[in-house]
Amino acid sequence: MAQDTPRRILWADDEIDLLKPHVRFLEQKGYVVVGVPTGGDALEALEKERFDVLLIDEMMPGLGGLETLDQLKARGLTLPVILVTKSEEERLMEEAIGKRITDYLIKPVNPSQVFLACKRVFDSQKLQDSQRARDYVGEMQRWQMLDPRKLDWQGWMDLAVDVARWDVSLDGAPEAGLQQAHADFRRSLNIDFGRYIEEQYPAWVQRSVKGQTDGRPMLSSDVVRHAVVPHLKAGEKVMFIVIDCMRMDQWFTLEPLLEEWFDIQREYYCSIVPTATPYSRNSIFAGLLPAELHRRHPDLWQESSHDERTRNRFERQLLDFQLERLGATPATAPKYIKIYDQEEAINTRRQIHSLSGLPLVSLVFNFLDILAHGRSESDILKELAPDEAAFRAVMKAWFTHSPLYEIFQALAAQDVVLVVTTDHGAVLGKRAALVYGNRDTSTNLRYKYGLNLNTDPKYAIIVRKPMDYMLPDDGVNKNYVLAREDYYFVYPTKFHEYERQYRGSLQHGGVSVEEMILPLMTLRPRAPRTGS
């Protein structure tokens, strides 16, 4: 499809008059070509006119090609650059690529070579978008051939990973239709996933209580035993990093930033329900399901506290108890650090070299959870992150400028194993569901517990017998409700007010692929400093 406005090429070469056949060939292909004999002339032309690509000779009197690139950067002029050079020297190519050239050609060049190089610049994004669309349509056809009712845990996990990777791949894609089709597919996926969890989850947790690992996924209560303890018993130093409220697609957004420094072993596990910090994260550190934790450590169980920090204030003690049960208590006491704000993160970054010498350090970063909750209360955050794709972008921007990123970089030079995971994900709440309960009912939006709770089972899993789900049963008639899909709970009083307030907010605690199927990554530095 032809461009409405012809593409404009600026060609800087001290022998530009000898290149007239090349220029005519490009003009016959529909391009506008302006030739100049020096780098200085090129800079002057770029200050006055718009061009789509700069072709520049590496060896010219006065400003050469690389020097002109430096001046482009200094003047804030940005456009694709194709360097034309006689040299095949590797050092020169490395320097040119370091200056962010888009492509390069080795002299002598013929008109077709120049045309193809320009076409790659102009059409690469369009070709990539077209290929992405074809790939996605093929993937969607494969997904639609699956029968969700026949998927086991491995099938659901594989599907969730594929969908999350496409979440990231479609970010910024111009095909709005593809993005909408993907969002619709994810929504339909959660209908079947809710049924699957309702059918399978009670059996999983009962098998877990009996110490059986077959026939069920890895759960929150298995994470430390599976991913941390083997390294401790092998005498390795472990940095256990829990990033609160991180979905799988969000991890895939960050992962490319770390692959340069670490070899990454990828595993996935299933969060327990409710998918909320007091349950899922306590379960990780205790190695116990909530009902077991309530029975064994009633003094450390804080379900009824309204303060999120209070409900997880005993994670260090719970981890100590778990390590003792598993026979994995290190000779030097493990270190536990919970990070809620920038100052705490900076202080941890300053200590990271000394911390990495300890047998086990657990770092809990609460930033994403705070950002997800804050987005519901801040108009600015809602504008910055109106949807999940934008939230991924905000999260990536935070990460690349955060002390946590610096911590990863520092650990890349240490002889330490990093185990990186999260306690639960989040889902964008889009539909309100009526729930009925008394004044003592918990206030959470995606799950609730209390006496004689009720709601439409289309919107939620209703847990009449908490012990079936290995949840604490404090007395007669206590029950839990767990929101399905993208529903959130609203009381009949002030229904419309709260519906408007929380629609489009990121929430957790319920049953969805995004909240429950989570990354569990083991990172080993590619070039650790030994003997430290």
Protein backbone atom coordinates (compact mmCIF):
# COMPACT_ATOMS: atom_id res chain seq x y z
CA MET A 1 0.00 0.00 0.00
CA ALA A 2 1.58 3.31 -1.12
CA GLN A 3 2.29 6.09 1.31
CA ASP A 4 0.18 9.25 0.90
CA THR A 5 3.37 11.26 1.42
CA PRO A 6 6.53 9.96 -0.31
CA ARG A 7 9.32 8.82 2.01
CA ARG A 8 12.17 11.34 2.15
CA ILE A 9 15.81 10.22 2.08
CA LEU A 10 18.76 12.47 2.94
CA TRP A 11 22.01 11.12 1.43
CA ALA A 12 25.31 12.61 2.62
CA ASP A 13 28.35 11.59 0.55
CA ASP A 14 31.28 13.66 -0.74
CA GLU A 15 30.84 11.86 -4.10
CA ILE A 16 27.10 12.47 -4.27
CA ASP A 17 27.33 13.61 -7.91
CA LEU A 18 28.67 10.19 -8.88
CA LEU A 19 25.69 8.52 -7.23
CA LYS A 20 23.06 9.97 -9.56
CA PRO A 21 22.12 6.51 -10.98
CA HIS A 22 21.42 5.34 -7.40
CA VAL A 23 19.36 8.46 -6.70
CA ARG A 24 17.31 8.04 -9.90
CA PHE A 25 16.66 4.39 -9.04
CA LEU A 26 15.31 5.37 -5.59
CA GLU A 27 13.19 8.13 -7.12
CA GLN A 28 11.68 5.62 -9.56
CA LYS A 29 10.67 3.58 -6.49
CA GLY A 30 8.68 6.57 -5.24
CA TYR A 31 11.15 8.09 -2.78
CA VAL A 32 12.23 11.73 -2.57
CA VAL A 33 16.05 11.91 -2.35
CA VAL A 34 18.06 14.97 -1.32
CA GLY A 35 21.82 14.70 -1.73
CA VAL A 36 24.44 16.72 0.20
CA PRO A 37 28.26 16.50 0.05
CA THR A 38 29.21 16.83 3.73
CA GLY A 39 28.12 15.91 7.26
CA GLY A 40 27.73 19.59 8.07
CA ASP A 41 25.34 20.03 5.15
CA ALA A 42 23.37 17.01 6.38
CA LEU A 43 22.97 18.53 9.85
CA GLU A 44 21.87 21.83 8.33
CA ALA A 45 19.28 20.09 6.11
CA LEU A 46 17.94 18.12 9.07
CA GLU A 47 17.46 21.31 11.08
CA LYS A 48 15.32 22.76 8.26
CA GLU A 49 13.39 19.82 6.83
CA ARG A 50 11.88 16.46 7.78
CA PHE A 51 13.52 13.28 6.50
CA ASP A 52 12.62 9.65 7.12
CA VAL A 53 16.14 8.18 6.89
CA LEU A 54 19.74 9.41 6.65
CA LEU A 55 22.17 7.60 4.35
CA ILE A 56 25.67 8.73 5.31
CA ASP A 57 29.16 7.96 4.05
CA GLU A 58 31.61 7.03 6.80
CA MET A 59 34.62 8.80 5.18
CA MET A 60 33.97 12.45 4.22
CA PRO A 61 36.09 15.60 4.48
CA GLY A 62 35.29 17.59 7.61
CA LEU A 63 32.64 15.80 9.60
CA GLY A 64 32.81 12.08 8.87
CA GLY A 65 29.90 9.73 9.30
CA LEU A 66 30.53 8.80 12.95
CA GLU A 67 31.23 12.41 13.93
CA THR A 68 27.98 13.44 12.27
CA LEU A 69 26.16 10.81 14.33
CA ASP A 70 27.62 12.37 17.49
CA GLN A 71 26.34 15.77 16.38
CA LEU A 72 22.90 14.30 15.63
CA LYS A 73 22.69 13.04 19.18
CA ALA A 74 23.98 16.29 20.67
CA ARG A 75 21.35 18.28 18.77
CA GLY A 76 18.52 15.92 19.69
CA LEU A 77 17.89 14.92 16.07
CA THR A 78 16.46 11.42 15.83
CA LEU A 79 15.88 9.38 12.69
CA PRO A 80 17.03 6.02 11.29
CA VAL A 81 20.61 6.05 9.97
CA ILE A 82 22.20 3.79 7.35
CA LEU A 83 26.02 4.02 7.38
CA VAL A 84 27.86 3.42 4.08
CA THR A 85 31.52 2.43 4.55
CA LYS A 86 34.50 0.91 2.71
CA SER A 87 35.78 -0.70 5.92
CA GLU A 88 34.81 -4.14 7.14
CA GLU A 89 36.80 -3.66 10.34
CA GLU A 90 34.99 -5.13 13.33
CA ARG A 91 35.96 -2.27 15.65
CA LEU A 92 34.37 0.28 13.33
CA MET A 93 31.17 -1.73 13.08
CA GLU A 94 30.98 -2.06 16.87
CA GLU A 95 31.46 1.71 17.26
CA ALA A 96 28.81 2.45 14.64
CA ILE A 97 26.30 0.04 16.17
CA GLY A 98 27.04 1.58 19.58
CA LYS A 99 26.00 4.92 18.11
CA ARG A 100 22.62 3.37 17.30
CA ILE A 101 22.82 3.11 13.52
CA THR A 102 19.89 1.23 12.02
CA ASP A 103 21.81 -0.56 9.25
CA TYR A 104 25.08 -0.39 7.34
CA LEU A 105 26.29 -1.12 3.78
CA ILE A 106 29.79 -2.04 2.59
CA LYS A 107 31.04 -0.23 -0.53
CA PRO A 108 30.78 -0.64 -3.41
CA VAL A 109 27.00 -0.63 -3.28
CA ASN A 110 24.57 -1.01 -6.13
CA PRO A 111 21.18 0.75 -6.37
CA SER A 112 19.24 -2.39 -5.36
CA GLN A 113 21.25 -2.75 -2.15
CA VAL A 114 20.49 0.83 -1.17
CA PHE A 115 16.81 0.39 -2.03
CA LEU A 116 16.52 -2.80 0.04
CA ALA A 117 18.25 -1.17 3.03
CA CYS A 118 15.80 1.76 2.90
CA LYS A 119 12.87 -0.62 2.47
CA ARG A 120 13.95 -2.55 5.58
CA VAL A 121 13.92 0.68 7.54
CA PHE A 122 10.55 1.83 6.22
CA ASP A 123 8.72 -1.48 6.16
CA SER A 124 10.25 -3.50 9.02
CA GLN A 125 7.63 -2.43 11.56
CA LYS A 126 4.80 -3.06 9.13
CA LEU A 127 6.23 -6.48 8.24
CA GLN A 128 6.69 -7.33 11.92
CA ASP A 129 3.11 -6.28 12.69
CA SER A 130 1.83 -8.34 9.79
CA GLN A 131 3.80 -11.40 10.90
CA ARG A 132 2.65 -10.93 14.48
CA ALA A 133 -0.97 -10.84 13.33
CA ARG A 134 -0.51 -14.07 11.34
CA ASP A 135 1.22 -15.75 14.29
CA TYR A 136 -1.50 -14.68 16.70
CA VAL A 137 -4.32 -15.90 14.45
CA GLY A 138 -2.58 -19.28 14.22
CA GLU A 139 -2.15 -19.40 18.00
CA MET A 140 -5.78 -18.44 18.56
CA GLN A 141 -6.92 -21.23 16.26
CA ARG A 142 -4.83 -23.69 18.27
CA TRP A 143 -6.29 -22.42 21.56
CA GLN A 144 -9.83 -22.70 20.24
CA MET A 145 -9.27 -26.36 19.40
CA LEU A 146 -8.53 -27.07 23.07
CA ASP A 147 -11.36 -28.36 25.25
CA PRO A 148 -10.94 -26.51 28.58
CA ARG A 149 -13.00 -29.17 30.35
CA LYS A 150 -10.28 -31.73 29.53
CA LEU A 151 -7.28 -29.64 30.55
CA ASP A 152 -5.26 -30.83 33.54
CA TRP A 153 -3.03 -28.52 35.60
CA GLN A 154 -0.14 -28.81 33.13
CA GLY A 155 -2.48 -27.88 30.29
CA TRP A 156 -3.83 -24.87 32.14
CA MET A 157 -0.32 -23.77 33.09
CA ASP A 158 0.97 -24.04 29.51
CA LEU A 159 -2.03 -22.10 28.23
CA ALA A 160 -1.60 -19.39 30.89
CA VAL A 161 2.07 -18.96 29.97
CA ASP A 162 1.23 -18.65 26.26
CA VAL A 163 -1.53 -16.11 26.94
CA ALA A 164 0.71 -14.05 29.25
CA ARG A 165 3.51 -13.95 26.67
CA TRP A 166 1.01 -12.72 24.09
CA ASP A 167 -0.18 -10.07 26.57
CA VAL A 168 3.34 -8.63 26.39
CA SER A 169 3.85 -9.25 22.67
CA LEU A 170 0.68 -7.34 21.77
CA ASP A 171 1.62 -4.29 23.89
CA GLY A 172 1.84 -1.33 21.55
CA ALA A 173 0.54 -3.34 18.59
CA PRO A 174 -1.48 -1.16 16.21
CA GLU A 175 -4.03 -3.90 15.53
CA ALA A 176 -6.78 -2.93 17.97
CA GLY A 177 -8.82 -5.88 16.75
CA LEU A 178 -6.13 -8.33 17.84
CA GLN A 179 -5.91 -6.78 21.29
CA GLN A 180 -9.69 -6.92 21.71
CA ALA A 181 -9.82 -10.52 20.52
CA HIS A 182 -7.09 -11.40 23.01
CA ALA A 183 -8.91 -9.66 25.87
CA ASP A 184 -12.14 -11.49 24.97
CA PHE A 185 -10.33 -14.81 24.91
CA ARG A 186 -8.77 -14.20 28.31
CA ARG A 187 -12.19 -13.33 29.72
CA SER A 188 -13.74 -16.54 28.38
CA LEU A 189 -10.76 -18.52 29.68
CA ASN A 190 -11.53 -17.48 33.24
CA ILE A 191 -15.07 -18.84 33.03
CA ASP A 192 -13.68 -22.34 32.50
CA PHE A 193 -10.81 -21.81 34.94
CA GLY A 194 -13.25 -20.94 37.73
CA ARG A 195 -15.10 -24.22 37.15
CA TYR A 196 -11.81 -26.12 37.08
CA ILE A 197 -10.66 -24.67 40.42
CA GLU A 198 -14.05 -25.32 42.03
CA GLU A 199 -13.85 -28.97 40.95
CA GLN A 200 -10.18 -29.66 41.68
CA TYR A 201 -8.92 -27.36 44.43
CA PRO A 202 -10.47 -29.15 47.46
CA ALA A 203 -8.78 -32.41 46.41
CA TRP A 204 -5.45 -30.63 45.92
CA VAL A 205 -5.34 -29.15 49.41
CA GLN A 206 -6.47 -32.42 51.02
CA ARG A 207 -3.65 -34.24 49.26
CA SER A 208 -1.25 -31.54 50.40
CA VAL A 209 -2.24 -32.05 54.03
CA LYS A 210 -1.43 -35.75 53.64
CA GLY A 211 2.00 -34.89 52.24
CA GLN A 212 1.10 -36.13 48.76
CA THR A 213 2.54 -34.23 45.79
CA ASP A 214 1.20 -36.33 42.92
CA GLY A 215 -2.06 -35.41 41.26
CA ARG A 216 -1.87 -31.73 42.21
CA PRO A 217 0.10 -28.60 41.30
CA MET A 218 2.76 -26.97 43.39
CA LEU A 219 0.93 -24.68 45.84
CA SER A 220 2.00 -21.61 47.81
CA SER A 221 2.82 -23.86 50.78
CA ASP A 222 5.29 -25.84 48.62
CA VAL A 223 7.34 -22.92 47.27
CA VAL A 224 10.09 -22.75 49.92
CA ARG A 225 10.40 -26.52 50.25
CA HIS A 226 10.66 -26.93 46.48
CA ALA A 227 12.64 -23.88 45.33
CA VAL A 228 14.69 -22.67 48.33
CA VAL A 229 15.52 -25.58 50.65
CA PRO A 230 17.41 -27.75 48.10
CA HIS A 231 19.90 -24.92 47.54
CA LEU A 232 20.36 -24.42 51.27
CA LYS A 233 21.01 -28.12 51.78
CA ALA A 234 23.53 -28.02 48.94
CA GLY A 235 25.43 -25.27 50.77
CA GLU A 236 24.52 -22.54 48.32
CA LYS A 237 23.71 -18.96 49.31
CA VAL A 238 20.12 -18.04 48.48
CA MET A 239 18.43 -14.68 47.92
CA PHE A 240 14.65 -15.28 48.11
CA ILE A 241 12.82 -12.34 46.50
CA VAL A 242 9.03 -12.06 46.71
CA ILE A 243 7.49 -9.25 44.64
CA ASP A 244 3.99 -8.82 46.03
CA CYS A 245 1.07 -8.87 43.57
CA MET A 246 3.11 -9.61 40.41
CA ARG A 247 1.25 -11.30 37.57
CA MET A 248 2.93 -13.60 35.10
CA ASP A 249 2.61 -11.11 32.23
CA GLN A 250 4.29 -8.49 34.41
CA TRP A 251 7.20 -10.84 35.09
CA PHE A 252 7.56 -11.46 31.34
CA THR A 253 7.81 -7.69 30.90
CA LEU A 254 10.77 -7.58 33.31
CA GLU A 255 12.49 -10.82 32.34
CA PRO A 256 14.32 -9.50 29.22
CA LEU A 257 16.02 -6.89 31.42
CA LEU A 258 17.61 -9.67 33.49
CA GLU A 259 18.51 -12.26 30.84
CA GLU A 260 21.82 -10.53 30.07
CA TRP A 261 23.10 -11.26 33.58
CA PHE A 262 21.29 -14.43 34.65
CA ASP A 263 20.47 -17.91 33.44
CA ILE A 264 16.79 -18.29 34.26
CA GLN A 265 15.05 -21.54 35.15
CA ARG A 266 11.30 -21.09 34.72
CA GLU A 267 8.67 -22.84 36.80
CA TYR A 268 5.11 -21.95 37.75
CA TYR A 269 2.93 -22.66 40.73
CA CYS A 270 -0.66 -22.22 41.90
CA SER A 271 -1.55 -19.68 44.56
CA ILE A 272 -3.83 -20.88 47.32
CA VAL A 273 -7.17 -19.13 47.79
CA PRO A 274 -8.02 -16.50 48.78
CA THR A 275 -5.34 -15.02 46.49
CA ALA A 276 -4.56 -12.29 49.01
CA THR A 277 -1.43 -11.46 50.97
CA PRO A 278 -2.60 -12.63 54.45
CA TYR A 279 -3.28 -16.11 53.06
CA SER A 280 -0.98 -16.69 50.10
CA ARG A 281 2.16 -15.02 51.42
CA ASN A 282 1.78 -16.41 54.92
CA SER A 283 1.39 -19.82 53.29
CA ILE A 284 4.65 -19.37 51.37
CA PHE A 285 6.66 -18.46 54.46
CA ALA A 286 4.96 -20.95 56.78
CA GLY A 287 4.89 -23.86 54.32
CA LEU A 288 1.38 -24.47 55.60
CA LEU A 289 -2.16 -24.04 54.34
CA PRO A 290 -4.23 -21.44 56.23
CA ALA A 291 -6.15 -23.96 58.37
CA GLU A 292 -2.88 -25.69 59.32
CA LEU A 293 -1.29 -22.36 60.15
CA HIS A 294 -4.29 -21.36 62.25
CA ARG A 295 -4.09 -24.67 64.15
CA ARG A 296 -0.30 -24.82 64.65
CA HIS A 297 0.42 -21.15 65.27
CA PRO A 298 -2.81 -19.49 66.46
CA ASP A 299 -0.77 -16.66 67.99
CA LEU A 300 0.71 -15.85 64.55
CA TRP A 301 -2.54 -16.05 62.58
CA GLN A 302 -4.00 -12.57 62.04
CA GLU A 303 -6.95 -13.09 59.66
CA SER A 304 -9.26 -10.59 61.36
CA SER A 305 -6.78 -7.69 61.49
CA HIS A 306 -7.69 -4.72 59.30
CA ASP A 307 -4.03 -3.71 58.92
CA GLU A 308 -2.36 -5.44 55.97
CA ARG A 309 1.06 -5.12 57.61
CA THR A 310 -0.18 -6.67 60.84
CA ARG A 311 -1.62 -9.69 59.04
CA ASN A 312 1.86 -10.50 57.70
CA ARG A 313 4.03 -9.30 60.53
CA PHE A 314 5.22 -12.81 61.49
CA GLU A 315 6.63 -13.99 58.18
CA ARG A 316 10.18 -14.18 59.53
CA GLN A 317 9.07 -16.38 62.45
CA LEU A 318 6.96 -18.55 60.13
CA LEU A 319 9.93 -19.10 57.81
CA ASP A 320 12.14 -20.06 60.76
CA PHE A 321 9.58 -22.66 61.87
CA GLN A 322 9.34 -24.05 58.33
CA LEU A 323 13.10 -24.36 57.90
CA GLU A 324 13.33 -26.11 61.24
CA ARG A 325 10.63 -28.62 60.24
CA LEU A 326 12.43 -29.29 56.97
CA GLY A 327 15.84 -29.69 58.61
CA ALA A 328 17.23 -26.77 56.63
CA THR A 329 18.01 -24.15 59.28
CA PRO A 330 21.28 -22.44 58.24
CA ALA A 331 24.15 -22.14 60.71
CA THR A 332 23.88 -18.35 60.40
CA ALA A 333 20.41 -16.97 61.12
CA PRO A 334 18.45 -16.09 57.94
CA LYS A 335 17.79 -12.42 57.25
CA TYR A 336 14.29 -11.19 56.45
CA ILE A 337 13.59 -7.69 55.06
CA LYS A 338 10.17 -6.31 54.13
CA ILE A 339 10.32 -3.24 51.87
CA TYR A 340 7.37 -0.85 51.74
CA ASP A 341 8.96 2.39 50.55
CA GLN A 342 11.84 3.92 48.60
CA GLU A 343 13.98 4.65 51.65
CA GLU A 344 13.85 1.03 52.82
CA ALA A 345 14.70 -0.12 49.29
CA ILE A 346 17.70 2.22 49.05
CA ASN A 347 18.99 1.06 52.44
CA THR A 348 18.72 -2.57 51.32
CA ARG A 349 20.59 -1.76 48.10
CA ARG A 350 23.43 -0.27 50.14
CA GLN A 351 23.70 -3.44 52.21
CA ILE A 352 23.34 -5.93 49.37
CA HIS A 353 27.02 -6.93 49.13
CA SER A 354 27.17 -7.90 52.79
CA LEU A 355 23.72 -9.52 52.65
CA SER A 356 24.70 -11.73 49.72
CA GLY A 357 27.27 -13.43 51.94
CA LEU A 358 24.56 -14.82 54.24
CA PRO A 359 23.12 -18.33 53.70
CA LEU A 360 19.56 -17.05 53.21
CA VAL A 361 18.11 -13.58 52.75
CA SER A 362 14.39 -13.06 52.11
CA LEU A 363 13.36 -9.76 50.50
CA VAL A 364 9.67 -8.85 50.20
CA PHE A 365 8.92 -5.92 47.88
CA ASN A 366 5.46 -4.43 48.28
CA PHE A 367 5.64 -1.76 45.57
CA LEU A 368 3.40 -3.44 42.97
CA ASP A 369 0.69 -4.19 45.52
CA ILE A 370 0.82 -0.58 46.73
CA LEU A 371 0.67 0.65 43.12
CA ALA A 372 -2.32 -1.59 42.34
CA HIS A 373 -4.21 -0.36 45.42
CA GLY A 374 -3.13 3.24 44.86
CA ARG A 375 -4.37 3.17 41.29
CA SER A 376 -7.93 2.74 42.64
CA GLU A 377 -7.60 5.89 44.73
CA SER A 378 -5.58 8.20 42.48
CA ASP A 379 -6.91 9.85 39.33
CA ILE A 380 -3.31 10.47 38.19
CA LEU A 381 -2.42 6.78 38.47
CA LYS A 382 -5.61 5.84 36.64
CA GLU A 383 -4.61 8.16 33.79
CA LEU A 384 -1.07 6.75 33.76
CA ALA A 385 -2.30 3.15 33.79
CA PRO A 386 -5.85 3.00 32.37
CA ASP A 387 -5.53 -0.68 31.44
CA GLU A 388 -3.32 -3.71 32.01
CA ALA A 389 -0.95 -2.93 29.13
CA ALA A 390 -0.35 0.57 30.49
CA PHE A 391 0.11 -0.87 34.00
CA ARG A 392 2.84 -3.14 32.62
CA ALA A 393 4.54 -0.10 31.11
CA VAL A 394 4.34 1.83 34.40
CA MET A 395 5.68 -1.18 36.28
CA LYS A 396 8.59 -1.55 33.84
CA ALA A 397 9.41 2.15 34.17
CA TRP A 398 9.40 1.81 37.97
CA PHE A 399 11.57 -1.30 37.87
CA THR A 400 14.26 0.11 35.56
CA HIS A 401 14.72 3.09 37.90
CA SER A 402 14.29 1.20 41.16
CA PRO A 403 16.73 0.01 43.82
CA LEU A 404 15.36 -3.49 43.12
CA TYR A 405 16.85 -3.38 39.60
CA GLU A 406 20.14 -2.21 41.09
CA ILE A 407 19.94 -5.09 43.58
CA PHE A 408 19.60 -7.57 40.71
CA GLN A 409 22.56 -5.97 38.95
CA ALA A 410 24.69 -6.16 42.09
CA LEU A 411 23.73 -9.80 42.71
CA ALA A 412 24.72 -10.70 39.14
CA ALA A 413 28.35 -10.47 40.28
CA GLN A 414 27.83 -12.56 43.43
CA ASP A 415 28.03 -16.29 44.04
CA VAL A 416 24.37 -16.57 45.01
CA VAL A 417 21.19 -18.26 43.76
CA LEU A 418 18.17 -15.98 43.35
CA VAL A 419 14.70 -17.44 43.77
CA VAL A 420 12.18 -14.87 42.50
CA THR A 421 8.43 -15.22 42.83
CA THR A 422 5.22 -13.54 43.94
CA ASP A 423 2.42 -14.38 46.34
CA HIS A 424 -0.57 -13.66 44.06
CA GLY A 425 -1.56 -11.73 40.95
CA ALA A 426 -4.41 -9.31 40.30
CA VAL A 427 -7.31 -8.90 37.93
CA LEU A 428 -9.00 -5.82 36.54
CA GLY A 429 -12.41 -5.70 38.23
CA LYS A 430 -15.08 -4.93 35.64
CA ARG A 431 -18.37 -6.30 36.98
CA ALA A 432 -20.02 -5.81 40.35
CA ALA A 433 -21.69 -8.71 42.15
CA LEU A 434 -24.11 -8.35 45.02
CA VAL A 435 -23.08 -10.00 48.28
CA TYR A 436 -25.14 -10.32 51.46
CA GLY A 437 -23.68 -10.55 54.95
CA ASN A 438 -23.69 -8.99 58.40
CA ARG A 439 -21.67 -6.02 59.65
CA ASP A 440 -18.76 -8.24 60.75
CA THR A 441 -18.10 -9.47 57.21
CA SER A 442 -14.58 -8.73 55.89
CA THR A 443 -14.21 -5.72 53.61
CA ASN A 444 -12.20 -7.23 50.75
CA LEU A 445 -13.52 -6.78 47.21
CA ARG A 446 -12.56 -10.14 45.62
CA TYR A 447 -13.14 -12.39 48.62
CA LYS A 448 -15.07 -12.22 51.84
CA TYR A 449 -15.50 -14.30 54.97
CA GLY A 450 -18.14 -14.05 57.65
CA LEU A 451 -21.32 -15.61 58.93
CA ASN A 452 -23.99 -16.77 56.49
CA LEU A 453 -22.52 -14.95 53.48
CA ASN A 454 -24.44 -15.30 50.27
CA THR A 455 -24.13 -14.32 46.63
CA ASP A 456 -25.09 -15.67 43.22
CA PRO A 457 -22.90 -18.75 42.50
CA LYS A 458 -22.51 -17.49 38.92
CA TYR A 459 -20.35 -14.72 40.33
CA ALA A 460 -18.44 -16.56 43.05
CA ILE A 461 -17.36 -19.86 44.53
CA ILE A 462 -19.25 -20.18 47.82
CA VAL A 463 -17.25 -22.13 50.40
CA ARG A 464 -19.81 -23.43 52.90
CA LYS A 465 -17.31 -25.75 54.62
CA PRO A 466 -14.03 -23.84 55.05
CA MET A 467 -12.03 -26.98 55.91
CA ASP A 468 -12.80 -28.37 52.43
CA TYR A 469 -10.54 -25.57 51.19
CA MET A 470 -8.22 -25.80 54.23
CA LEU A 471 -9.39 -22.39 55.44
CA PRO A 472 -9.85 -21.63 59.15
CA ASP A 473 -13.27 -22.58 60.49
CA ASP A 474 -13.79 -20.41 63.56
CA GLY A 475 -17.30 -21.53 64.32
CA VAL A 476 -20.76 -22.41 63.12
CA ASN A 477 -21.90 -20.85 59.82
CA LYS A 478 -18.58 -19.19 58.90
CA ASN A 479 -18.11 -19.28 55.16
CA TYR A 480 -16.04 -17.69 52.39
CA VAL A 481 -16.98 -16.35 48.98
CA LEU A 482 -14.34 -16.13 46.22
CA ALA A 483 -15.10 -13.94 43.20
CA ARG A 484 -14.91 -15.57 39.78
CA GLU A 485 -13.60 -14.03 36.54
CA ASP A 486 -13.52 -10.19 36.83
CA TYR A 487 -16.32 -9.73 39.40
CA TYR A 488 -15.96 -7.73 42.62
CA PHE A 489 -18.31 -7.68 45.59
CA VAL A 490 -20.61 -4.79 46.42
CA TYR A 491 -23.25 -4.62 49.16
CA PRO A 492 -26.87 -3.76 48.26
CA THR A 493 -26.57 -0.49 50.20
CA LYS A 494 -24.85 2.16 48.05
CA PHE A 495 -24.51 -0.41 45.26
CA HIS A 496 -24.16 2.07 42.40
CA GLU A 497 -21.78 4.33 44.29
CA TYR A 498 -19.34 1.51 45.06
CA GLU A 499 -19.80 -0.07 41.64
CA ARG A 500 -18.57 3.14 40.00
CA GLN A 501 -15.77 3.60 42.53
CA TYR A 502 -14.19 0.17 42.05
CA ARG A 503 -14.95 -0.62 38.41
CA GLY A 504 -11.67 -0.82 36.53
CA SER A 505 -9.55 -1.21 39.67
CA LEU A 506 -6.88 -3.90 40.06
CA GLN A 507 -7.98 -6.37 42.72
CA HIS A 508 -6.99 -9.74 44.14
CA GLY A 509 -8.34 -12.42 46.41
CA GLY A 510 -10.53 -14.30 43.94
CA VAL A 511 -10.23 -17.05 41.36
CA SER A 512 -8.70 -16.23 37.99
CA VAL A 513 -5.78 -17.31 35.83
CA GLU A 514 -4.11 -13.94 36.48
CA GLU A 515 -4.32 -14.28 40.26
CA MET A 516 -3.49 -17.97 40.62
CA ILE A 517 -0.97 -19.17 37.99
CA LEU A 518 2.29 -17.54 39.04
CA PRO A 519 6.00 -17.43 38.11
CA LEU A 520 8.62 -19.16 40.24
CA MET A 521 12.02 -18.36 38.77
CA THR A 522 15.51 -19.48 39.74
CA LEU A 523 18.23 -17.11 38.55
CA ARG A 524 21.93 -17.96 38.50
CA PRO A 525 24.46 -15.23 37.68
CA ARG A 526 26.19 -15.85 34.35
CA ALA A 527 29.50 -14.57 35.70
CA PRO A 528 29.47 -14.67 39.52
CA ARG A 529 32.42 -13.50 41.54
CA THR A 530 33.71 -16.63 43.27
CA GLY A 531 35.38 -16.83 46.61
CA SER A 532 33.37 -13.96 48.10
